């Protein structure tokens, strides 16, 4: 089962030199990204209101799977979905 967070919630993310997330900040502090499960990019509505996002499905601390994205225009990160 999954929980869609609407609207998506802002999150602070640490990335490595290649832009791959290494840690996400939560109420408990910085949590390590154990594994990148999937990665994809969307670019749409370029003629109207452009959306450019890089999505990441991440395993956090070997326990929690999240779907996050980085808004490529603003470099802001958001959590959009939580998997249990």
N, C-alpha and C. Protein backbone atom coordinates (compact mmCIF):
# COMPACT_ATOMS: atom_id res chain seq x y z
N UNK A 1 0.84 -1.17 0.00
CA UNK A 1 0.00 0.00 0.00
C UNK A 1 0.89 1.24 0.00
N UNK A 2 0.41 2.30 -0.62
CA UNK A 2 1.19 3.54 -0.67
C UNK A 2 0.33 4.69 -0.19
N UNK A 3 1.01 5.73 0.24
CA UNK A 3 0.33 6.96 0.62
C UNK A 3 0.84 8.08 -0.27
N UNK A 4 -0.05 8.68 -1.04
CA UNK A 4 0.29 9.82 -1.88
C UNK A 4 0.16 11.08 -1.03
N UNK A 5 1.20 11.86 -0.97
CA UNK A 5 1.19 13.11 -0.22
C UNK A 5 0.81 14.24 -1.16
N UNK A 6 -0.38 14.77 -1.00
CA UNK A 6 -0.86 15.83 -1.88
C UNK A 6 -1.28 17.02 -1.02
N UNK A 7 -0.59 18.09 -1.09
CA UNK A 7 0.57 18.33 -1.96
C UNK A 7 1.82 17.65 -1.43
N UNK A 8 2.79 17.50 -2.31
CA UNK A 8 4.07 16.93 -1.92
C UNK A 8 4.72 17.80 -0.85
N UNK A 9 5.48 17.16 0.04
CA UNK A 9 6.09 17.88 1.17
C UNK A 9 7.56 18.19 0.90
N UNK A 10 7.97 19.42 1.18
CA UNK A 10 9.38 19.76 1.00
C UNK A 10 10.26 18.93 1.92
N UNK A 11 11.45 18.61 1.46
CA UNK A 11 12.41 17.85 2.25
C UNK A 11 13.82 18.33 1.91
N UNK A 12 14.69 18.32 2.90
CA UNK A 12 16.09 18.65 2.65
C UNK A 12 16.83 17.37 2.30
N UNK A 13 17.68 17.46 1.28
CA UNK A 13 18.37 16.28 0.76
C UNK A 13 19.85 16.61 0.58
N UNK A 14 20.70 15.68 0.96
CA UNK A 14 22.13 15.77 0.66
C UNK A 14 22.39 14.88 -0.54
N UNK A 15 23.19 15.38 -1.47
CA UNK A 15 23.52 14.62 -2.67
C UNK A 15 25.03 14.48 -2.79
N UNK A 16 25.46 13.46 -3.53
CA UNK A 16 26.89 13.29 -3.76
C UNK A 16 27.32 14.12 -4.97
N UNK A 17 28.56 13.97 -5.40
CA UNK A 17 29.11 14.76 -6.51
C UNK A 17 28.37 14.53 -7.82
N UNK A 18 27.72 13.37 -7.95
CA UNK A 18 26.96 13.06 -9.17
C UNK A 18 25.49 13.45 -9.07
N UNK A 19 25.09 14.06 -7.96
CA UNK A 19 23.70 14.48 -7.78
C UNK A 19 22.79 13.39 -7.26
N UNK A 20 23.35 12.28 -6.81
CA UNK A 20 22.56 11.16 -6.28
C UNK A 20 22.30 11.41 -4.78
N UNK A 21 21.05 11.31 -4.35
CA UNK A 21 20.73 11.54 -2.93
C UNK A 21 21.47 10.55 -2.02
N UNK A 22 22.04 11.08 -0.93
CA UNK A 22 22.73 10.24 0.05
C UNK A 22 22.04 10.26 1.40
N UNK A 23 21.34 11.35 1.74
CA UNK A 23 20.66 11.49 3.03
C UNK A 23 19.42 12.37 2.85
N UNK A 24 18.38 12.08 3.62
CA UNK A 24 17.19 12.92 3.71
C UNK A 24 17.01 13.33 5.16
N UNK A 25 16.58 14.56 5.37
CA UNK A 25 16.37 15.04 6.73
C UNK A 25 14.94 14.77 7.17
N UNK A 26 14.80 14.25 8.38
CA UNK A 26 13.49 14.00 8.97
C UNK A 26 13.48 14.59 10.38
N UNK A 27 12.39 14.40 11.08
CA UNK A 27 12.31 14.87 12.47
C UNK A 27 13.37 14.19 13.34
N UNK A 28 13.80 12.99 12.94
CA UNK A 28 14.80 12.24 13.69
C UNK A 28 16.23 12.61 13.30
N UNK A 29 16.39 13.53 12.36
CA UNK A 29 17.72 13.92 11.89
C UNK A 29 17.96 13.44 10.47
N UNK A 30 19.21 13.40 10.08
CA UNK A 30 19.58 12.98 8.73
C UNK A 30 19.55 11.46 8.64
N UNK A 31 18.76 10.93 7.70
CA UNK A 31 18.62 9.49 7.49
C UNK A 31 19.37 9.10 6.22
N UNK A 32 20.17 8.02 6.27
CA UNK A 32 20.93 7.62 5.08
C UNK A 32 20.04 6.96 4.02
N UNK A 33 20.37 7.25 2.77
CA UNK A 33 19.74 6.54 1.64
C UNK A 33 20.52 5.24 1.48
N UNK A 34 19.85 4.13 1.72
CA UNK A 34 20.49 2.82 1.64
C UNK A 34 20.64 2.37 0.19
N UNK A 35 19.62 2.70 -0.62
CA UNK A 35 19.64 2.21 -2.00
C UNK A 35 18.72 3.06 -2.87
N UNK A 36 19.14 3.32 -4.09
CA UNK A 36 18.28 3.95 -5.10
C UNK A 36 17.55 2.81 -5.80
N UNK A 37 16.22 2.80 -5.67
CA UNK A 37 15.42 1.72 -6.26
C UNK A 37 15.04 2.00 -7.70
N UNK A 38 14.88 3.28 -8.03
CA UNK A 38 14.49 3.66 -9.39
C UNK A 38 14.76 5.14 -9.55
N UNK A 39 14.88 5.56 -10.81
CA UNK A 39 15.14 6.97 -11.12
C UNK A 39 14.58 7.27 -12.50
N UNK A 40 13.87 8.39 -12.64
CA UNK A 40 13.36 8.79 -13.95
C UNK A 40 13.15 10.30 -13.97
N UNK A 41 13.00 10.83 -15.14
CA UNK A 41 12.85 12.28 -15.32
C UNK A 41 11.62 12.56 -16.16
N UNK A 42 10.93 13.66 -15.82
CA UNK A 42 9.82 14.11 -16.66
C UNK A 42 10.04 15.56 -17.04
N UNK A 43 9.71 15.87 -18.26
CA UNK A 43 9.71 17.23 -18.79
C UNK A 43 8.43 17.36 -19.59
N UNK A 44 7.52 18.21 -19.13
CA UNK A 44 6.25 18.34 -19.83
C UNK A 44 5.73 19.78 -19.75
N UNK A 45 4.71 20.04 -20.52
CA UNK A 45 4.05 21.35 -20.58
C UNK A 45 5.01 22.50 -20.88
N UNK A 46 6.04 22.24 -21.67
CA UNK A 46 7.04 23.26 -21.97
C UNK A 46 6.44 24.48 -22.67
N UNK A 47 5.32 24.34 -23.32
CA UNK A 47 4.70 25.44 -24.05
C UNK A 47 3.81 26.30 -23.16
N UNK A 48 3.47 25.82 -21.96
CA UNK A 48 2.51 26.52 -21.12
C UNK A 48 3.14 26.85 -19.76
N UNK A 49 3.23 25.88 -18.92
CA UNK A 49 3.80 26.04 -17.58
C UNK A 49 4.76 24.87 -17.37
N UNK A 50 6.00 25.03 -17.75
CA UNK A 50 6.93 23.89 -17.80
C UNK A 50 7.10 23.19 -16.45
N UNK A 51 7.17 21.87 -16.54
CA UNK A 51 7.48 21.03 -15.39
C UNK A 51 8.69 20.20 -15.77
N UNK A 52 9.73 20.30 -14.96
CA UNK A 52 10.93 19.50 -15.17
C UNK A 52 11.34 18.94 -13.81
N UNK A 53 11.19 17.63 -13.67
CA UNK A 53 11.46 16.97 -12.39
C UNK A 53 12.29 15.71 -12.61
N UNK A 54 13.15 15.44 -11.65
CA UNK A 54 13.85 14.17 -11.60
C UNK A 54 13.32 13.41 -10.39
N UNK A 55 12.72 12.27 -10.66
CA UNK A 55 12.11 11.45 -9.61
C UNK A 55 13.09 10.38 -9.15
N UNK A 56 13.00 10.07 -7.86
CA UNK A 56 13.83 9.05 -7.24
C UNK A 56 12.97 8.20 -6.31
N UNK A 57 13.03 6.89 -6.45
CA UNK A 57 12.43 5.99 -5.47
C UNK A 57 13.60 5.49 -4.63
N UNK A 58 13.56 5.82 -3.33
CA UNK A 58 14.69 5.59 -2.45
C UNK A 58 14.32 4.69 -1.28
N UNK A 59 15.28 3.89 -0.86
CA UNK A 59 15.15 3.12 0.36
C UNK A 59 15.94 3.86 1.43
N UNK A 60 15.25 4.24 2.50
CA UNK A 60 15.85 5.05 3.55
C UNK A 60 16.14 4.16 4.76
N UNK A 61 17.40 4.17 5.19
CA UNK A 61 17.81 3.46 6.41
C UNK A 61 17.35 2.00 6.41
N UNK A 62 17.36 1.35 5.25
CA UNK A 62 16.97 -0.06 5.09
C UNK A 62 15.55 -0.37 5.55
N UNK A 63 14.70 0.66 5.67
CA UNK A 63 13.41 0.44 6.31
C UNK A 63 12.23 1.05 5.56
N UNK A 64 12.41 2.19 4.93
CA UNK A 64 11.31 2.96 4.39
C UNK A 64 11.56 3.32 2.93
N UNK A 65 10.60 3.05 2.08
CA UNK A 65 10.70 3.43 0.66
C UNK A 65 9.90 4.70 0.42
N UNK A 66 10.54 5.66 -0.23
CA UNK A 66 9.92 6.95 -0.53
C UNK A 66 10.09 7.27 -2.01
N UNK A 67 9.14 8.03 -2.53
CA UNK A 67 9.28 8.58 -3.87
C UNK A 67 9.47 10.08 -3.71
N UNK A 68 10.60 10.56 -4.16
CA UNK A 68 10.95 11.98 -4.04
C UNK A 68 11.20 12.53 -5.42
N UNK A 69 11.14 13.85 -5.52
CA UNK A 69 11.56 14.46 -6.77
C UNK A 69 12.28 15.77 -6.49
N UNK A 70 13.12 16.12 -7.44
CA UNK A 70 13.81 17.39 -7.42
C UNK A 70 13.24 18.25 -8.54
N UNK A 71 12.72 19.41 -8.19
CA UNK A 71 12.26 20.37 -9.18
C UNK A 71 13.51 20.94 -9.83
N UNK A 72 13.74 20.63 -11.08
CA UNK A 72 14.99 21.00 -11.73
C UNK A 72 15.12 22.51 -11.94
N UNK A 73 14.02 23.24 -11.98
CA UNK A 73 14.09 24.69 -12.15
C UNK A 73 14.54 25.40 -10.87
N UNK A 74 14.10 24.89 -9.72
CA UNK A 74 14.39 25.56 -8.45
C UNK A 74 15.39 24.79 -7.57
N UNK A 75 15.71 23.55 -7.93
CA UNK A 75 16.59 22.67 -7.15
C UNK A 75 15.99 22.33 -5.79
N UNK A 76 14.67 22.45 -5.64
CA UNK A 76 13.99 22.08 -4.40
C UNK A 76 13.57 20.62 -4.46
N UNK A 77 13.61 19.97 -3.30
CA UNK A 77 13.25 18.56 -3.19
C UNK A 77 11.92 18.40 -2.45
N UNK A 78 11.17 17.36 -2.86
CA UNK A 78 9.87 17.07 -2.26
C UNK A 78 9.69 15.56 -2.12
N UNK A 79 8.97 15.15 -1.07
CA UNK A 79 8.53 13.75 -0.93
C UNK A 79 7.10 13.72 -1.43
N UNK A 80 6.82 12.81 -2.36
CA UNK A 80 5.49 12.73 -2.96
C UNK A 80 4.73 11.47 -2.57
N UNK A 81 5.44 10.39 -2.25
CA UNK A 81 4.78 9.12 -1.96
C UNK A 81 5.59 8.33 -0.94
N UNK A 82 4.87 7.66 -0.05
CA UNK A 82 5.49 6.81 0.96
C UNK A 82 4.98 5.40 0.74
N UNK A 83 5.88 4.43 0.68
CA UNK A 83 5.53 3.01 0.49
C UNK A 83 5.69 2.28 1.81
N UNK A 84 4.77 1.37 2.08
CA UNK A 84 4.94 0.56 3.29
C UNK A 84 5.05 -0.90 2.95
